[in-house]
Amino acid sequence: MAALSAPRVATARAHPGAEFRLGAVARTGVLVVAALYFLVPLLASARYALEGAHGSYTLSSVTALFHDSVLLQSLVTSVEISLGAAAITLALLTPTSVWVNLRMPRWRRAMESITLLPLVVPVVVVVLGIYGAFPTGIVASPVLLALEYVVLAMPYSYRAIDGGVQALDLHTLVDASRSLGAGWAQVFRRVLVPNLRSSLLSAAFITVAYSLGEFAMANLLSFTTFPTELFQIGTEQVGEATAVSVFALVLTFGVLLALSLFGGRGRRRAVRTGLPAGQADGVVAELAAEVDAVLGHADPGRPGIVHDGPTMR
């Protein structure tokens, strides 16, 4: 066996760039196939929406969208509902995830299971429960639809936030901030939220995307939202509906790309709190200085903190 494997090892060592080139070709091939899988239907839909009589191309289907007041109003309603759902999601799930990871780590698995419940409960059952639990005046309010979208998007938004929280050295950040005299509101607003920026943006985008594209619950509750109005247009004007769909897909892709670039820049600029074991001496002092800078004060004589040279006891 050693005699047979020796030539292969020698060949691999003699051509170290061969495996790298093969991997690059494979990655390029996968990216090309994925791009074709997404772009070909999108380009075909765009061509159908822009195609006019006798093989010509026209923008009449696109310009007609801006003259449809019902469609524009439904788009405004969907945007308002989605932004409200995103704000409620961040306000509820971010403190929950931080508190569970900080004070109740044993409940982490239970919380993950609870957040999966919207995936196993059908939307029809949820709508029937709403009609049975709330009066007609509340059911007719768009606020209730925003609250329902928070619940329906929770399996995805909670994991986006919880992943960012678990990536932080949460106990060290909170303990250092509290020892510097920061209240819980300051810790959350000035220390945790800046470090969770990309995770919060991901959760907000997931909620907004889900709310803008949700059809079943809005239709069952008789709301005129962007997806329901798009469905109505599609039954009468196929070209206009296709143009709206292409526009929505391009807009969603642009927002996702901007979010990815913004989050990547934030991660590159983020200060890492974890250090190798060989650099353990002075970790507390460096972290305290970092949190002090974030909180906007640096008082060596603050009670509970004694400075002694480069380290802190």
Protein backbone atom coordinates (compact mmCIF):
# COMPACT_ATOMS: atom_id res chain seq x y z
CA MET A 1 0.00 0.00 0.00
CA ALA A 2 2.79 2.41 0.83
CA ALA A 3 4.42 1.68 -2.49
CA LEU A 4 1.17 2.34 -4.38
CA SER A 5 0.30 5.54 -2.54
CA ALA A 6 3.78 7.05 -2.79
CA PRO A 7 3.53 7.94 -6.53
CA ARG A 8 0.16 9.62 -5.95
CA VAL A 9 1.53 11.70 -3.11
CA ALA A 10 4.57 12.60 -5.19
CA THR A 11 2.34 13.57 -8.13
CA ALA A 12 0.14 15.76 -5.89
CA ARG A 13 3.21 17.44 -4.43
CA ALA A 14 4.68 17.95 -7.88
CA HIS A 15 1.50 19.65 -9.17
CA PRO A 16 0.03 21.61 -6.23
CA GLY A 17 -1.93 23.93 -8.52
CA ALA A 18 -3.86 21.15 -10.27
CA GLU A 19 -6.27 20.56 -7.40
CA PHE A 20 -6.76 24.30 -6.94
CA ARG A 21 -7.61 24.76 -10.63
CA LEU A 22 -10.03 21.82 -10.51
CA GLY A 23 -11.77 23.29 -7.48
CA ALA A 24 -12.00 26.71 -9.14
CA VAL A 25 -13.53 25.17 -12.27
CA ALA A 26 -16.06 23.25 -10.16
CA ARG A 27 -17.05 26.38 -8.21
CA THR A 28 -17.40 28.38 -11.41
CA GLY A 29 -19.55 25.68 -12.95
CA VAL A 30 -21.88 25.60 -9.93
CA LEU A 31 -22.21 29.39 -9.97
CA VAL A 32 -22.96 29.42 -13.72
CA VAL A 33 -25.64 26.72 -13.36
CA ALA A 34 -27.22 28.55 -10.40
CA ALA A 35 -27.18 31.87 -12.29
CA LEU A 36 -28.83 30.27 -15.34
CA TYR A 37 -31.43 28.61 -13.10
CA PHE A 38 -32.51 31.98 -11.70
CA LEU A 39 -31.84 34.33 -14.62
CA VAL A 40 -33.38 32.37 -17.53
CA PRO A 41 -36.96 32.38 -16.11
CA LEU A 42 -36.53 36.02 -15.06
CA LEU A 43 -35.36 37.09 -18.51
CA ALA A 44 -38.14 35.07 -20.17
CA SER A 45 -40.73 36.76 -17.96
CA ALA A 46 -39.26 40.19 -18.72
CA ARG A 47 -39.35 39.48 -22.44
CA TYR A 48 -42.99 38.40 -22.22
CA ALA A 49 -43.91 41.52 -20.26
CA LEU A 50 -42.19 43.83 -22.77
CA GLU A 51 -43.29 42.04 -25.93
CA GLY A 52 -45.85 43.90 -28.03
CA ALA A 53 -47.62 43.23 -31.29
CA HIS A 54 -45.78 41.86 -34.35
CA GLY A 55 -42.64 40.99 -32.37
CA SER A 56 -41.95 44.53 -31.19
CA TYR A 57 -41.17 45.60 -27.65
CA THR A 58 -43.03 48.21 -25.65
CA LEU A 59 -43.10 49.61 -22.14
CA SER A 60 -46.88 49.92 -22.04
CA SER A 61 -47.21 47.11 -19.48
CA VAL A 62 -44.67 48.80 -17.23
CA THR A 63 -46.06 52.32 -17.52
CA ALA A 64 -49.57 51.03 -16.87
CA LEU A 65 -48.47 50.02 -13.39
CA PHE A 66 -47.89 53.62 -12.34
CA HIS A 67 -51.41 54.60 -13.40
CA ASP A 68 -53.12 51.86 -11.41
CA SER A 69 -54.10 53.61 -8.18
CA VAL A 70 -55.45 50.41 -6.59
CA LEU A 71 -52.16 48.59 -7.19
CA LEU A 72 -50.12 51.47 -5.80
CA GLN A 73 -52.33 51.70 -2.73
CA SER A 74 -52.01 47.95 -2.16
CA LEU A 75 -48.24 48.28 -2.44
CA VAL A 76 -48.23 51.08 0.14
CA THR A 77 -50.38 48.97 2.46
CA SER A 78 -48.08 45.96 2.11
CA VAL A 79 -44.99 48.09 2.77
CA GLU A 80 -46.56 49.59 5.89
CA ILE A 81 -47.58 46.16 7.18
CA SER A 82 -44.15 44.66 6.43
CA LEU A 83 -42.25 47.50 8.11
CA GLY A 84 -44.52 47.25 11.15
CA ALA A 85 -43.99 43.50 11.30
CA ALA A 86 -40.21 43.96 11.06
CA ALA A 87 -40.20 46.54 13.87
CA ILE A 88 -42.30 44.30 16.12
CA THR A 89 -40.06 41.32 15.31
CA LEU A 90 -36.89 43.15 16.33
CA ALA A 91 -38.52 44.62 19.44
CA LEU A 92 -39.77 41.23 20.67
CA LEU A 93 -37.27 38.64 19.51
CA THR A 94 -33.98 40.47 20.11
CA PRO A 95 -34.42 40.91 23.90
CA THR A 96 -35.86 37.39 24.10
CA SER A 97 -32.85 35.82 22.41
CA VAL A 98 -30.39 37.87 24.49
CA TRP A 99 -32.14 37.00 27.75
CA VAL A 100 -32.40 33.29 26.94
CA ASN A 101 -28.72 33.02 26.02
CA LEU A 102 -27.65 35.14 28.98
CA ARG A 103 -29.85 33.94 31.85
CA MET A 104 -31.61 30.77 30.71
CA PRO A 105 -29.29 28.80 28.42
CA ARG A 106 -31.09 25.56 29.29
CA TRP A 107 -34.22 26.92 27.61
CA ARG A 108 -32.44 27.50 24.30
CA ARG A 109 -33.59 24.21 22.77
CA ALA A 110 -37.12 24.79 24.04
CA MET A 111 -37.22 28.23 22.44
CA GLU A 112 -36.00 26.82 19.14
CA SER A 113 -38.80 24.24 19.24
CA ILE A 114 -41.42 26.85 20.15
CA THR A 115 -40.39 29.10 17.27
CA LEU A 116 -40.91 26.21 14.84
CA LEU A 117 -44.61 25.88 15.69
CA PRO A 118 -45.79 28.30 12.95
CA LEU A 119 -44.39 25.85 10.39
CA VAL A 120 -46.60 22.98 11.56
CA VAL A 121 -49.83 24.96 12.08
CA PRO A 122 -51.67 25.58 8.77
CA VAL A 123 -52.58 29.15 7.87
CA VAL A 124 -56.25 28.21 7.58
CA VAL A 125 -56.26 27.03 11.20
CA VAL A 126 -54.64 30.30 12.30
CA VAL A 127 -57.24 32.36 10.40
CA LEU A 128 -60.12 30.38 11.93
CA GLY A 129 -58.60 30.92 15.37
CA ILE A 130 -58.39 34.66 14.69
CA TYR A 131 -62.02 34.84 13.66
CA GLY A 132 -63.01 32.95 16.78
CA ALA A 133 -60.83 34.89 19.24
CA PHE A 134 -61.14 38.51 18.08
CA PRO A 135 -64.08 40.75 17.28
CA THR A 136 -64.75 41.87 13.73
CA GLY A 137 -63.33 45.37 14.28
CA ILE A 138 -59.92 44.02 15.26
CA VAL A 139 -59.89 41.39 12.51
CA ALA A 140 -60.42 44.13 9.91
CA SER A 141 -57.37 46.13 11.12
CA PRO A 142 -54.06 45.81 9.22
CA VAL A 143 -52.27 45.83 12.59
CA LEU A 144 -53.56 42.31 13.23
CA LEU A 145 -52.11 41.19 9.89
CA ALA A 146 -48.72 42.64 10.88
CA LEU A 147 -48.85 40.73 14.17
CA GLU A 148 -49.67 37.52 12.34
CA TYR A 149 -46.74 38.04 9.97
CA VAL A 150 -44.47 38.37 13.00
CA VAL A 151 -45.60 34.91 14.12
CA LEU A 152 -45.40 33.35 10.66
CA ALA A 153 -41.88 34.68 10.00
CA MET A 154 -40.65 33.81 13.50
CA PRO A 155 -39.03 30.46 12.56
CA TYR A 156 -36.66 32.31 10.25
CA SER A 157 -36.23 35.69 11.95
CA TYR A 158 -35.56 34.21 15.39
CA ARG A 159 -32.78 32.01 14.05
CA ALA A 160 -31.18 34.94 12.27
CA ILE A 161 -31.08 36.92 15.53
CA ASP A 162 -30.18 33.98 17.74
CA GLY A 163 -27.26 33.04 15.50
CA GLY A 164 -25.79 36.51 15.90
CA VAL A 165 -26.31 36.46 19.67
CA GLN A 166 -24.60 33.09 20.04
CA ALA A 167 -21.63 34.34 17.99
CA LEU A 168 -20.97 37.06 20.58
CA ASP A 169 -19.07 36.66 23.83
CA LEU A 170 -22.29 37.73 25.48
CA HIS A 171 -21.41 37.24 29.15
CA THR A 172 -18.11 39.12 28.83
CA LEU A 173 -19.67 42.08 27.02
CA VAL A 174 -22.56 42.39 29.45
CA ASP A 175 -20.44 41.93 32.59
CA ALA A 176 -17.86 44.46 31.43
CA SER A 177 -20.55 46.99 30.51
CA ARG A 178 -22.38 46.54 33.80
CA SER A 179 -19.15 46.88 35.78
CA LEU A 180 -18.54 50.19 34.04
CA GLY A 181 -21.85 51.49 35.35
CA ALA A 182 -23.99 51.04 32.25
CA GLY A 183 -27.66 50.28 32.72
CA TRP A 184 -29.44 47.52 30.85
CA ALA A 185 -30.80 50.01 28.32
CA GLN A 186 -27.29 51.31 27.58
CA VAL A 187 -25.88 47.80 27.35
CA PHE A 188 -28.53 46.79 24.89
CA ARG A 189 -28.50 49.98 22.79
CA ARG A 190 -24.78 50.84 22.71
CA VAL A 191 -23.04 47.48 23.07
CA LEU A 192 -25.24 44.62 21.88
CA VAL A 193 -27.17 46.22 19.03
CA PRO A 194 -24.05 47.49 17.15
CA ASN A 195 -22.54 43.99 17.36
CA LEU A 196 -25.80 42.43 16.16
CA ARG A 197 -26.32 44.84 13.26
CA SER A 198 -25.98 42.30 10.45
CA SER A 199 -28.16 39.74 12.26
CA LEU A 200 -30.86 42.32 12.94
CA LEU A 201 -30.80 43.46 9.33
CA SER A 202 -31.14 39.85 8.18
CA ALA A 203 -34.10 39.24 10.48
CA ALA A 204 -35.76 42.48 9.38
CA PHE A 205 -35.25 41.67 5.70
CA ILE A 206 -36.64 38.15 6.16
CA THR A 207 -39.75 39.55 7.85
CA VAL A 208 -40.24 42.24 5.21
CA ALA A 209 -39.76 39.78 2.34
CA TYR A 210 -42.18 37.31 3.91
CA SER A 211 -44.78 40.00 4.58
CA LEU A 212 -44.57 41.44 1.07
CA GLY A 213 -45.03 38.03 -0.55
CA GLU A 214 -47.59 36.41 1.78
CA PHE A 215 -50.87 35.70 0.00
CA ALA A 216 -52.89 33.03 1.82
CA MET A 217 -53.60 34.82 5.10
CA ALA A 218 -54.21 38.22 3.47
CA ASN A 219 -56.64 36.63 1.02
CA LEU A 220 -58.49 34.65 3.69
CA LEU A 221 -58.80 37.76 5.89
CA SER A 222 -60.01 39.79 2.84
CA PHE A 223 -57.17 42.33 2.89
CA THR A 224 -56.16 44.14 -0.31
CA THR A 225 -52.39 43.75 -0.24
CA PHE A 226 -49.81 43.67 -3.01
CA PRO A 227 -49.93 39.85 -3.56
CA THR A 228 -53.74 39.73 -3.57
CA GLU A 229 -54.01 42.65 -5.98
CA LEU A 230 -51.34 41.09 -8.18
CA PHE A 231 -53.42 37.92 -8.28
CA GLN A 232 -56.49 39.91 -9.35
CA ILE A 233 -54.52 41.66 -12.09
CA GLY A 234 -53.15 38.33 -13.29
CA THR A 235 -56.64 37.02 -13.97
CA GLU A 236 -57.36 39.90 -16.36
CA GLN A 237 -54.05 41.45 -17.52
CA VAL A 238 -51.30 38.85 -17.73
CA GLY A 239 -48.69 41.20 -19.19
CA GLU A 240 -49.06 43.76 -16.42
CA ALA A 241 -48.96 41.05 -13.75
CA THR A 242 -45.77 39.62 -15.24
CA ALA A 243 -44.17 43.08 -15.32
CA VAL A 244 -45.06 43.61 -11.65
CA SER A 245 -43.61 40.22 -10.74
CA VAL A 246 -40.33 40.93 -12.53
CA PHE A 247 -40.10 44.36 -10.91
CA ALA A 248 -40.71 42.84 -7.46
CA LEU A 249 -38.06 40.15 -8.01
CA VAL A 250 -35.45 42.66 -9.20
CA LEU A 251 -36.21 44.96 -6.28
CA THR A 252 -35.95 42.09 -3.79
CA PHE A 253 -32.64 40.97 -5.29
CA GLY A 254 -31.29 44.52 -5.07
CA VAL A 255 -32.29 44.87 -1.42
CA LEU A 256 -30.75 41.48 -0.63
CA LEU A 257 -27.52 42.44 -2.38
CA ALA A 258 -27.36 45.75 -0.52
CA LEU A 259 -28.00 43.98 2.77
CA SER A 260 -25.24 41.47 2.04
CA LEU A 261 -22.74 44.20 1.20
CA PHE A 262 -23.72 46.31 4.21
CA GLY A 263 -23.58 43.36 6.59
CA GLY A 264 -20.22 42.21 5.22
CA ARG A 265 -18.74 45.66 5.73
CA GLY A 266 -20.05 45.68 9.27
CA ARG A 267 -18.49 42.31 10.00
CA ARG A 268 -15.13 43.43 8.64
CA ARG A 269 -15.19 46.51 10.85
CA ALA A 270 -16.43 44.69 13.94
CA VAL A 271 -14.00 44.32 16.81
CA ARG A 272 -13.49 40.72 17.83
CA THR A 273 -13.68 40.14 21.58
CA GLY A 274 -12.29 36.61 21.62
CA LEU A 275 -8.51 36.31 21.86
CA PRO A 276 -6.15 33.31 21.72
CA ALA A 277 -5.21 31.62 24.96
CA GLY A 278 -1.67 32.93 24.75
CA GLN A 279 -2.96 36.53 24.88
CA ALA A 280 -5.19 36.08 27.91
CA ASP A 281 -3.18 38.61 29.94
CA GLY A 282 -4.79 42.02 29.51
CA VAL A 283 -8.05 40.76 27.96
CA VAL A 284 -10.23 42.38 30.59
CA ALA A 285 -8.46 45.72 30.29
CA GLU A 286 -8.78 45.80 26.51
CA LEU A 287 -12.43 44.83 26.64
CA ALA A 288 -13.17 47.42 29.31
CA ALA A 289 -11.50 50.11 27.21
CA GLU A 290 -13.51 49.02 24.20
CA VAL A 291 -16.82 49.11 26.06
CA ASP A 292 -15.82 52.41 27.69
CA ALA A 293 -15.27 53.93 24.26
CA VAL A 294 -18.64 52.66 23.09
CA LEU A 295 -20.43 54.04 26.14
CA GLY A 296 -18.73 57.40 25.68
CA HIS A 297 -16.92 57.66 29.01
CA ALA A 298 -13.65 56.53 30.49
CA ASP A 299 -13.40 57.14 34.21
CA PRO A 300 -10.44 55.37 35.85
CA GLY A 301 -11.88 56.13 39.26
CA ARG A 302 -15.26 54.51 38.69
CA PRO A 303 -16.23 52.36 41.68
CA GLY A 304 -15.55 48.68 41.30
CA ILE A 305 -12.72 49.13 38.75
CA VAL A 306 -9.11 49.38 39.84
CA HIS A 307 -6.50 50.13 37.18
CA ASP A 308 -2.96 48.88 37.67
CA GLY A 309 -0.69 49.35 34.69
CA PRO A 310 -1.72 47.63 31.48
CA THR A 311 -4.14 45.24 33.19
CA MET A 312 -7.13 45.68 35.43
CA ARG A 313 -7.97 43.81 38.60
